[in-house]
C-alpha cells in the first residue's frame, strides 16, 4: 500500500499525533471533516489518509484496546492507542510496516505533553499486541462492532431493514469512494470533458448522464474548467435528483418556479439551473454560513437564485404565498448511505438520532406539500439506508395525503410496489451504500 506521506517530510509520529487528535474530536461529537480542516496544511494530506482508514477500522481497534486494557487510559492516550491499533491490526491493510507504526505511535506519546506520562502504557499495550496479535484478533472475532466496524445498533437495524443485503452495505462502507464530477452540459458534453481530462493526464470514465468518475481523486484546482463552472464535484447518485424532479414537469407559467428546500452546499441548486437555466429558484438553508457556500457555488457556475437562510418547515417566515411547480427536499438524515465517503458518521450517530431525524423529515414533508401546485411535484431524498428515513417515511406520508401520487423513482418505489417488500435504496452507481428517492406528484383537482 502506498504511504500516505510519500510526498511529505513530516515524521510519522507527528502524523499519528494529529490523526489521534482527529479521532478524539470524532469521539467528542465533531465531524472528521471539520477536525481535519483544523490540522496544519503541511500535515493535512497525510493525516486525512490515516484518519479515513482509522475511522473505517475503529470498531476492531476499540475491541482490541478493551482486551489490552479493560480500564481506558486518559482520552488523548486512548485515542492514540486505538489509532495505532486501527492502522496496524491487519498486515495487508497497514499503510506502513506494523512494527514501524508501533514504534512511531510510542514516539508520538513520548513527544506529546499531554501523553508523555502515558507513553510506557501505550508502549506496553502495543508490544503485547505485536506478541499476541492472532490470539487477540480471535478473541474479538465474535464482537459485532469489531467484526463489522459499525455500532451494534446500526448492524441490527440494517439486518432488520435489509435482511438480504445488510452485509453488502456494511462491507461496501470499508472501501474508499471514488471522486465523481458533474459536467455542466451548458458548456460541453461529457465526452468533451473526458477528452479535456485526458489531455491533463487525469484518468476518468463516464457515469450516468452527466457524471464523470475519476480513477484517482485530485484537488479541484487541477480540474480543467472548474473555476469557470464547467464541472462540479458531486456524487453520481446525487446527480439523479435534478433530472428526476424536472423530467416531464409541466409548466403552469412561462417560468418554472422551483424550491430547493435544504440546499447547502448548493450542488443540487446548481444542477437544477444547469437543467433549466430560466427557472426561478429559491434555495433555503437554516444555517447562514452554509448559505454563503450556496452563493459561492452559484457564483462559480454563473447562475442566479434567491438564497435565503430559513427553516424550510417554518413557512410563515419565508414563503411569499406563491406555489411551486417543483420542490426538491434533500432532507436532513443520518447519512447512513454514504459510509464510504464519510466513515466517521457511523461513530457520530446515536440510535435515537434515527427517529429524531425521521420526525424532522415528516415535519418538512407536512409543511412543504401544501406549497406544491396541483400537477406539480416534490422529490424527497435522503442519503440513508434506514427504512425509517425512506420507505416507511413515504408510506406514512401517502396514507395521510391522498392527493399524492408516487411516481417511479430509481431503485425503490413504483406505483405497483408500494405495499411490497422494497429493495435496497438505489445503489446503481456503485459508489455509495444507498440513496433514497421518492418522486411525488400532486393530483390535479
Protein backbone atom coordinates (compact mmCIF):
# COMPACT_ATOMS: atom_id res chain seq x y z
CA UNK A 1 0.00 0.00 0.00
CA UNK A 2 1.29 3.49 -0.83
CA UNK A 3 2.34 5.50 2.17
CA UNK A 4 0.08 8.50 2.87
CA UNK A 5 3.20 10.63 3.46
CA UNK A 6 5.18 9.58 0.39
CA UNK A 7 5.38 13.21 -0.78
CA UNK A 8 5.69 14.80 2.65
CA UNK A 9 8.57 15.46 5.01
CA UNK A 10 6.59 15.18 8.25
CA UNK A 11 7.69 12.32 10.51
CA UNK A 12 5.17 9.55 11.04
CA UNK A 13 4.94 10.14 14.80
CA UNK A 14 3.73 13.67 14.12
CA UNK A 15 1.08 12.44 11.68
CA UNK A 16 -0.07 9.87 14.24
CA UNK A 17 -0.38 12.59 16.87
CA UNK A 18 -2.64 14.64 14.63
CA UNK A 19 -4.63 11.60 13.48
CA UNK A 20 -5.28 10.68 17.11
CA UNK A 21 -6.49 14.24 17.72
CA UNK A 22 -8.92 13.86 14.82
CA UNK A 23 -10.15 10.55 16.26
CA UNK A 24 -10.62 12.18 19.67
CA UNK A 25 -12.59 15.02 18.07
CA UNK A 26 -14.93 12.49 16.43
CA UNK A 27 -15.32 10.72 19.77
CA UNK A 28 -16.37 14.08 21.22
CA UNK A 29 -19.01 14.57 18.53
CA UNK A 30 -17.17 16.67 15.94
CA UNK A 31 -17.21 15.73 12.27
CA UNK A 32 -13.98 14.34 10.83
CA UNK A 33 -14.08 16.87 8.00
CA UNK A 34 -14.07 19.79 10.45
CA UNK A 35 -11.36 18.18 12.58
CA UNK A 36 -9.09 17.61 9.56
CA UNK A 37 -9.55 21.22 8.45
CA UNK A 38 -8.04 22.28 11.78
CA UNK A 39 -4.85 20.29 11.07
CA UNK A 40 -1.86 22.35 9.79
CA UNK A 41 -1.81 22.38 5.99
CA UNK A 42 1.56 20.67 5.69
CA UNK A 43 0.27 17.70 7.68
CA UNK A 44 -3.26 17.59 6.31
CA UNK A 45 -2.91 15.21 3.31
CA UNK A 46 -1.17 12.52 5.36
CA UNK A 47 -3.46 12.97 8.35
CA UNK A 48 -6.54 12.79 6.12
CA UNK A 49 -5.46 9.46 4.61
CA UNK A 50 -4.67 7.98 8.03
CA UNK A 51 -7.86 9.37 9.59
CA UNK A 52 -10.14 7.82 6.98
CA UNK A 53 -8.51 4.43 7.48
CA UNK A 54 -8.66 4.80 11.26
CA UNK A 55 -12.40 5.52 11.21
CA UNK A 56 -13.08 2.54 8.93
CA UNK A 57 -11.44 0.14 11.39
CA UNK A 58 -12.30 1.87 14.66
CA UNK A 59 -14.64 -0.91 15.77
CA UNK A 60 -11.91 -3.54 15.60
CA UNK A 61 -9.41 -1.16 17.23
CA UNK A 62 -11.69 -0.36 20.16
CA UNK A 63 -12.41 -4.04 20.78
CA UNK A 64 -8.68 -4.79 20.78
CA UNK A 65 -8.00 -1.94 23.20
CA UNK A 66 -10.60 -3.35 25.60
CA UNK A 67 -8.73 -6.66 25.52
CA UNK A 68 -5.42 -4.95 26.16
CA UNK A 69 -6.67 -2.57 28.84
CA UNK A 70 -10.04 -3.09 30.48
CA UNK A 71 -9.80 0.36 32.04
CA UNK A 72 -9.49 3.10 29.48
CA UNK A 73 -6.46 5.39 29.77
CA UNK A 74 -6.89 9.18 29.59
CA UNK A 75 -8.76 10.23 26.45
CA UNK A 76 -5.78 11.51 24.43
CA UNK A 77 -3.72 8.37 25.05
CA UNK A 78 -6.74 6.16 24.37
CA UNK A 79 -7.26 7.87 21.00
CA UNK A 80 -3.61 7.37 20.06
CA UNK A 81 -3.65 3.73 21.14
CA UNK A 82 -6.84 2.99 19.19
CA UNK A 83 -5.49 4.86 16.17
CA UNK A 84 -2.35 2.71 16.17
CA UNK A 85 -4.44 -0.46 16.51
CA UNK A 86 -6.81 0.58 13.69
CA UNK A 87 -3.87 1.12 11.35
CA UNK A 88 -1.86 -1.96 12.29
CA UNK A 89 -4.34 -4.74 13.08
CA UNK A 90 -4.01 -6.31 9.62
CA UNK A 91 -0.73 -6.56 7.69
CA UNK A 92 -2.36 -6.28 4.27
CA UNK A 93 -4.23 -3.11 5.24
CA UNK A 94 -1.48 -1.35 7.17
CA UNK A 95 -0.21 1.82 5.44
CA UNK A 96 3.26 1.20 6.95
CA UNK A 97 5.03 -1.87 8.34
CA UNK A 98 3.31 -2.74 11.60
CA UNK A 99 6.49 -2.52 13.69
CA UNK A 100 7.08 0.97 12.28
CA UNK A 101 3.57 2.05 13.22
CA UNK A 102 4.01 0.73 16.75
CA UNK A 103 7.39 2.41 17.23
CA UNK A 104 6.14 5.72 15.88
CA UNK A 105 2.95 5.60 17.97
CA UNK A 106 5.05 5.21 21.12
CA UNK A 107 7.25 8.10 19.92
CA UNK A 108 4.09 10.17 19.38
CA UNK A 109 3.11 9.60 23.01
CA UNK A 110 6.58 10.50 24.28
CA UNK A 111 6.67 13.74 22.32
CA UNK A 112 3.18 14.94 23.32
CA UNK A 113 2.99 16.91 26.57
CA UNK A 114 -0.45 15.55 27.46
CA UNK A 115 0.51 11.92 26.76
CA UNK A 116 4.13 11.73 27.91
CA UNK A 117 3.19 10.10 31.21
CA UNK A 118 1.14 7.51 29.34
CA UNK A 119 3.94 6.57 26.90
CA UNK A 120 5.02 3.47 28.91
CA UNK A 121 1.39 2.29 28.99
CA UNK A 122 0.97 2.81 25.23
CA UNK A 123 4.25 1.00 24.63
CA UNK A 124 3.27 -1.95 26.83
CA UNK A 125 -0.12 -2.35 25.13
CA UNK A 126 1.26 -2.17 21.61
CA UNK A 127 4.17 -4.54 22.33
CA UNK A 128 1.70 -7.04 23.77
CA UNK A 129 -0.43 -6.59 20.68
CA UNK A 130 2.56 -7.49 18.50
CA UNK A 131 3.30 -10.60 20.57
CA UNK A 132 -0.29 -11.84 20.87
CA UNK A 133 -1.92 -10.41 17.76
CA UNK A 134 -3.53 -13.62 16.44
CA UNK A 135 -4.94 -14.55 19.85
CA UNK A 136 -6.26 -11.03 20.41
CA UNK A 137 -7.86 -10.89 16.96
CA UNK A 138 -9.52 -14.25 17.56
CA UNK A 139 -10.87 -13.02 20.89
CA UNK A 140 -12.58 -10.07 19.18
CA UNK A 141 -13.95 -12.01 16.22
CA UNK A 142 -17.38 -12.50 17.82
CA UNK A 143 -17.73 -8.84 18.76
CA UNK A 144 -20.32 -7.39 16.32
CA UNK A 145 -18.78 -3.93 16.40
CA UNK A 146 -15.30 -5.34 15.76
CA UNK A 147 -16.46 -7.71 13.04
CA UNK A 148 -18.41 -5.10 11.03
CA UNK A 149 -16.75 -1.88 12.21
CA UNK A 150 -20.11 -0.27 12.86
CA UNK A 151 -22.03 0.20 16.12
CA UNK A 152 -24.03 -2.88 17.11
CA UNK A 153 -27.34 -0.97 16.93
CA UNK A 154 -26.52 0.07 13.33
CA UNK A 155 -25.84 -3.52 12.30
CA UNK A 156 -29.05 -4.73 13.95
CA UNK A 157 -31.16 -2.08 12.21
CA UNK A 158 -29.69 -2.97 8.82
CA UNK A 159 -30.35 -6.65 9.43
CA UNK A 160 -33.99 -5.80 10.13
CA UNK A 161 -34.42 -3.34 7.26
CA UNK A 162 -32.48 -5.29 4.62
CA UNK A 163 -32.24 -8.97 5.60
CA UNK A 164 -30.76 -9.96 2.24
CA UNK A 165 -28.36 -7.05 1.66
CA UNK A 166 -27.12 -5.86 5.06
CA UNK A 167 -23.70 -7.49 4.65
CA UNK A 168 -23.25 -5.81 1.27
CA UNK A 169 -23.97 -2.40 2.79
CA UNK A 170 -21.53 -2.86 5.67
CA UNK A 171 -18.76 -4.29 3.51
CA UNK A 172 -19.04 -1.52 0.93
CA UNK A 173 -18.50 1.08 3.63
CA UNK A 174 -14.99 -0.25 4.21
CA UNK A 175 -13.64 0.85 0.83
CA UNK A 176 -12.90 4.38 -0.30
CA UNK A 177 -15.46 6.09 -2.54
CA UNK A 178 -14.32 7.45 -5.92
CA UNK A 179 -14.32 11.15 -6.72
CA UNK A 180 -17.22 11.96 -9.03
CA UNK A 181 -17.90 15.10 -11.05
CA UNK A 182 -20.97 16.58 -12.71
CA UNK A 183 -20.29 18.07 -16.12
CA UNK A 184 -22.18 21.27 -16.88
CA UNK A 185 -23.80 20.39 -20.19
CA UNK A 186 -24.42 24.10 -20.82
CA UNK A 187 -20.68 24.30 -21.56
CA UNK A 188 -19.72 20.94 -23.08
CA UNK A 189 -20.61 17.27 -23.35
CA UNK A 190 -19.38 14.55 -21.04
CA UNK A 191 -17.30 13.16 -23.91
CA UNK A 192 -15.62 16.53 -24.49
CA UNK A 193 -14.80 16.88 -20.81
CA UNK A 194 -13.33 13.39 -20.71
CA UNK A 195 -11.01 14.44 -23.52
CA UNK A 196 -10.03 17.56 -21.56
CA UNK A 197 -9.22 15.40 -18.54
CA UNK A 198 -7.18 13.02 -20.69
CA UNK A 199 -5.16 15.95 -22.05
CA UNK A 200 -4.21 16.91 -18.49
CA UNK A 201 -3.30 13.35 -17.55
CA UNK A 202 -6.34 12.67 -15.36
CA UNK A 203 -7.93 9.26 -15.88
CA UNK A 204 -11.72 9.08 -15.79
CA UNK A 205 -14.82 7.37 -17.13
CA UNK A 206 -18.40 8.44 -17.80
CA UNK A 207 -21.03 7.63 -15.14
CA UNK A 208 -24.72 8.26 -15.77
CA UNK A 209 -25.99 11.09 -17.98
CA UNK A 210 -23.83 13.94 -16.65
CA UNK A 211 -21.23 12.25 -14.48
CA UNK A 212 -17.51 11.58 -14.66
CA UNK A 213 -15.75 9.30 -12.20
CA UNK A 214 -12.03 9.86 -11.66
CA UNK A 215 -9.58 6.99 -11.43
CA UNK A 216 -7.82 8.91 -8.65
CA UNK A 217 -9.00 11.92 -6.67
CA UNK A 218 -7.30 15.23 -7.43
CA UNK A 219 -7.54 18.75 -5.92
CA UNK A 220 -10.32 20.72 -7.60
CA UNK A 221 -7.92 23.39 -8.85
CA UNK A 222 -6.36 20.74 -11.10
CA UNK A 223 -9.68 20.08 -12.85
CA UNK A 224 -9.91 21.81 -16.24
CA UNK A 225 -12.64 24.45 -16.25
CA UNK A 226 -13.55 24.08 -12.58
CA UNK A 227 -13.19 27.77 -11.75
CA UNK A 228 -15.24 28.62 -14.85
CA UNK A 229 -18.14 26.41 -13.74
CA UNK A 230 -17.64 23.73 -16.36
CA UNK A 231 -17.72 20.97 -13.75
CA UNK A 232 -18.73 20.42 -10.12
CA UNK A 233 -17.84 17.80 -7.53
CA UNK A 234 -20.99 15.77 -6.84
CA UNK A 235 -21.69 12.12 -6.06
CA UNK A 236 -23.14 10.29 -9.05
CA UNK A 237 -26.21 9.26 -7.06
CA UNK A 238 -26.94 12.87 -6.13
CA UNK A 239 -26.77 13.80 -9.81
CA UNK A 240 -30.05 11.94 -10.33
CA UNK A 241 -32.05 14.45 -8.27
CA UNK A 242 -32.45 17.45 -10.56
CA UNK A 243 -33.27 15.50 -13.76
CA UNK A 244 -35.67 13.28 -11.83
CA UNK A 245 -37.61 16.27 -10.49
CA UNK A 246 -37.66 18.14 -13.79
CA UNK A 247 -38.30 15.33 -16.29
CA UNK A 248 -41.90 15.62 -17.52
CA UNK A 249 -42.67 18.53 -15.19
CA UNK A 250 -45.33 20.64 -16.87
CA UNK A 251 -45.02 24.42 -16.70
CA UNK A 252 -48.10 26.18 -15.36
CA UNK A 253 -46.39 29.52 -16.07
CA UNK A 254 -43.77 30.57 -18.66
CA UNK A 255 -41.05 30.21 -16.00
CA UNK A 256 -40.75 27.24 -13.67
CA UNK A 257 -40.85 28.16 -10.01
CA UNK A 258 -38.63 25.78 -8.00
CA UNK A 259 -37.67 25.37 -4.36
CA UNK A 260 -34.51 23.67 -3.11
CA UNK A 261 -35.62 23.30 0.49
CA UNK A 262 -32.41 22.15 2.22
CA UNK A 263 -29.98 23.42 -0.36
CA UNK A 264 -26.49 23.67 1.18
CA UNK A 265 -23.85 23.36 -0.11
CA UNK A 266 -25.67 24.13 -3.36
CA UNK A 267 -24.76 21.25 -5.66
CA UNK A 268 -28.34 20.36 -6.48
CA UNK A 269 -29.33 24.03 -6.77
CA UNK A 270 -26.70 24.48 -9.43
CA UNK A 271 -27.79 21.31 -11.20
CA UNK A 272 -31.41 22.49 -11.31
CA UNK A 273 -30.28 25.64 -13.10
CA UNK A 274 -28.00 23.71 -15.44
CA UNK A 275 -31.04 21.64 -16.46
CA UNK A 276 -33.46 24.61 -16.50
CA UNK A 277 -31.47 27.88 -16.80
CA UNK A 278 -34.58 30.09 -16.97
CA UNK A 279 -36.14 28.69 -13.79
CA UNK A 280 -36.89 30.89 -10.81
CA UNK A 281 -35.14 29.07 -7.95
CA UNK A 282 -35.38 29.70 -4.22
CA UNK A 283 -32.63 27.98 -2.23
CA UNK A 284 -33.14 27.65 1.53
CA UNK A 285 -30.86 26.53 4.31
CA UNK A 286 -31.24 27.01 8.04
CA UNK A 287 -27.53 27.85 8.51
CA UNK A 288 -26.42 31.33 7.32
CA UNK A 289 -22.81 30.17 6.89
CA UNK A 290 -23.91 27.30 4.68
CA UNK A 291 -25.98 29.78 2.65
CA UNK A 292 -22.72 31.57 1.88
CA UNK A 293 -21.43 28.30 0.45
CA UNK A 294 -24.54 28.03 -1.77
CA UNK A 295 -23.91 31.52 -3.10
CA UNK A 296 -20.24 30.79 -3.76
CA UNK A 297 -21.19 27.72 -5.80
CA UNK A 298 -23.78 29.67 -7.77
CA UNK A 299 -21.28 32.45 -8.45
CA UNK A 300 -18.75 29.93 -9.79
CA UNK A 301 -21.40 28.45 -12.07
CA UNK A 302 -22.56 31.96 -13.09
CA UNK A 303 -26.16 31.24 -12.08
CA UNK A 304 -28.58 33.36 -10.09
CA UNK A 305 -31.01 32.12 -7.46
CA UNK A 306 -32.62 33.62 -4.40
CA UNK A 307 -30.69 32.29 -1.39
CA UNK A 308 -32.41 32.62 1.99
CA UNK A 309 -31.40 31.42 5.43
CA UNK A 310 -34.54 29.95 6.97
CA UNK A 311 -36.03 26.80 8.42
CA UNK A 312 -37.89 25.25 5.49
CA UNK A 313 -40.54 23.85 7.84
CA UNK A 314 -41.33 27.33 9.22
CA UNK A 315 -43.06 28.51 6.07
CA UNK A 316 -44.64 31.60 7.67
CA UNK A 317 -41.21 33.20 7.93
CA UNK A 318 -40.10 32.86 4.30
CA UNK A 319 -42.90 31.82 1.91
CA UNK A 320 -44.46 34.56 -0.23
CA UNK A 321 -47.68 32.63 -0.84
CA UNK A 322 -46.87 31.60 -4.42
CA UNK A 323 -46.94 27.84 -5.04
CA UNK A 324 -44.06 25.93 -6.61
CA UNK A 325 -44.01 23.78 -9.72
CA UNK A 326 -41.31 21.63 -8.16
CA UNK A 327 -39.78 21.19 -4.71
CA UNK A 328 -36.55 19.35 -4.03
CA UNK A 329 -36.40 18.13 -0.44
CA UNK A 330 -32.99 16.62 0.27
CA UNK A 331 -33.92 16.13 3.89
CA UNK A 332 -31.58 16.05 6.89
CA UNK A 333 -30.83 12.42 7.65
CA UNK A 334 -28.40 10.05 9.37
CA UNK A 335 -26.19 9.91 6.23
CA UNK A 336 -26.10 6.15 6.77
CA UNK A 337 -25.96 5.72 2.99
CA UNK A 338 -22.60 7.39 2.41
CA UNK A 339 -20.35 5.47 4.77
CA UNK A 340 -17.66 5.06 2.13
CA UNK A 341 -17.24 8.81 1.80
CA UNK A 342 -17.81 9.68 5.47
CA UNK A 343 -16.68 6.76 7.68
CA UNK A 344 -16.90 8.92 10.81
CA UNK A 345 -20.69 9.19 10.58
CA UNK A 346 -21.23 5.70 11.98
CA UNK A 347 -19.41 6.72 15.19
CA UNK A 348 -21.08 10.13 15.43
CA UNK A 349 -24.64 8.86 15.20
CA UNK A 350 -26.67 7.51 18.11
CA UNK A 351 -29.57 5.09 17.77
CA UNK A 352 -32.00 7.76 18.96
CA UNK A 353 -30.92 10.01 16.07
CA UNK A 354 -32.82 7.87 13.55
CA UNK A 355 -36.27 8.61 14.97
CA UNK A 356 -35.40 12.22 15.76
CA UNK A 357 -34.36 12.82 12.15
CA UNK A 358 -37.38 10.90 10.85
CA UNK A 359 -39.55 13.32 12.84
CA UNK A 360 -37.76 16.27 11.19
CA UNK A 361 -38.31 14.73 7.76
CA UNK A 362 -42.01 14.20 8.45
CA UNK A 363 -42.33 17.80 9.63
CA UNK A 364 -40.69 19.08 6.44
CA UNK A 365 -42.91 16.94 4.21
CA UNK A 366 -46.03 18.14 6.02
CA UNK A 367 -45.00 21.80 5.76
CA UNK A 368 -43.87 21.77 2.14
CA UNK A 369 -46.51 19.60 0.47
CA UNK A 370 -49.20 22.37 0.58
CA UNK A 371 -46.75 24.62 -1.31
CA UNK A 372 -46.78 22.35 -4.39
CA UNK A 373 -49.10 23.38 -7.21
CA UNK A 374 -51.69 20.86 -8.41
CA UNK A 375 -49.88 18.87 -11.07
CA UNK A 376 -46.56 19.86 -9.53
CA UNK A 377 -44.01 17.56 -7.94
CA UNK A 378 -41.96 17.12 -4.79
CA UNK A 379 -38.84 14.99 -4.83
CA UNK A 380 -37.97 13.59 -1.41
CA UNK A 381 -34.50 12.17 -1.00
CA UNK A 382 -32.15 11.05 1.76
CA UNK A 383 -28.67 9.53 1.71
CA UNK A 384 -29.84 6.86 4.12
CA UNK A 385 -30.27 3.09 4.08
CA UNK A 386 -32.60 3.09 7.08
CA UNK A 387 -36.24 2.48 6.15
CA UNK A 388 -37.46 4.92 8.81
CA UNK A 389 -35.96 7.71 6.68
CA UNK A 390 -37.10 6.31 3.34
CA UNK A 391 -39.68 3.64 2.62
CA UNK A 392 -41.52 3.89 5.94
CA UNK A 393 -41.47 7.68 5.86
CA UNK A 394 -43.06 7.83 2.41
CA UNK A 395 -45.64 5.11 3.05
CA UNK A 396 -46.81 7.05 6.10
CA UNK A 397 -46.93 10.26 4.07
CA UNK A 398 -49.02 8.62 1.34
CA UNK A 399 -51.50 7.31 3.90
CA UNK A 400 -52.10 10.85 5.16
CA UNK A 401 -52.04 12.64 1.80
CA UNK A 402 -54.46 11.09 -0.66
CA UNK A 403 -53.70 13.81 -3.22
CA UNK A 404 -50.13 12.49 -3.52
CA UNK A 405 -49.24 10.10 -6.34
CA UNK A 406 -45.96 8.20 -6.16
CA UNK A 407 -44.09 8.13 -9.48
CA UNK A 408 -41.36 5.66 -10.49
CA UNK A 409 -38.02 6.57 -8.97
CA UNK A 410 -34.60 4.88 -9.24
CA UNK A 411 -34.08 1.78 -7.19
CA UNK A 412 -37.15 1.68 -4.97
CA UNK A 413 -40.86 2.52 -5.33
CA UNK A 414 -43.16 2.20 -8.30
CA UNK A 415 -46.95 2.54 -8.10
CA UNK A 416 -47.34 -1.24 -8.14
CA UNK A 417 -44.82 -1.91 -5.37
CA UNK A 418 -45.90 0.44 -2.60
CA UNK A 419 -47.08 -2.42 -0.41
CA UNK A 420 -44.44 -4.96 -1.42
CA UNK A 421 -41.07 -5.56 0.21
CA UNK A 422 -38.81 -2.74 -1.02
CA UNK A 423 -35.36 -3.28 -2.41
CA UNK A 424 -32.22 -1.70 -1.07
CA UNK A 425 -32.23 2.08 -1.67
CA UNK A 426 -30.71 2.93 -5.01
CA UNK A 427 -27.08 1.96 -5.48
CA UNK A 428 -26.96 1.63 -9.25
CA UNK A 429 -23.95 3.96 -9.47
CA UNK A 430 -21.89 1.55 -7.39
CA UNK A 431 -20.18 4.33 -5.44
CA UNK A 432 -22.23 4.58 -2.25
CA UNK A 433 -24.21 2.43 0.16
CA UNK A 434 -27.64 3.82 -0.60
CA UNK A 435 -29.55 6.91 -1.71
CA UNK A 436 -33.33 7.02 -1.37
CA UNK A 437 -35.63 8.83 -3.81
CA UNK A 438 -39.41 9.24 -3.82
CA UNK A 439 -40.98 11.39 -6.55
CA UNK A 440 -44.42 12.65 -5.52
CA UNK A 441 -46.93 14.37 -7.83
CA UNK A 442 -49.88 16.35 -6.53
CA UNK A 443 -53.06 15.22 -8.24
CA UNK A 444 -54.86 17.93 -10.18
CA UNK A 445 -58.35 18.55 -8.85
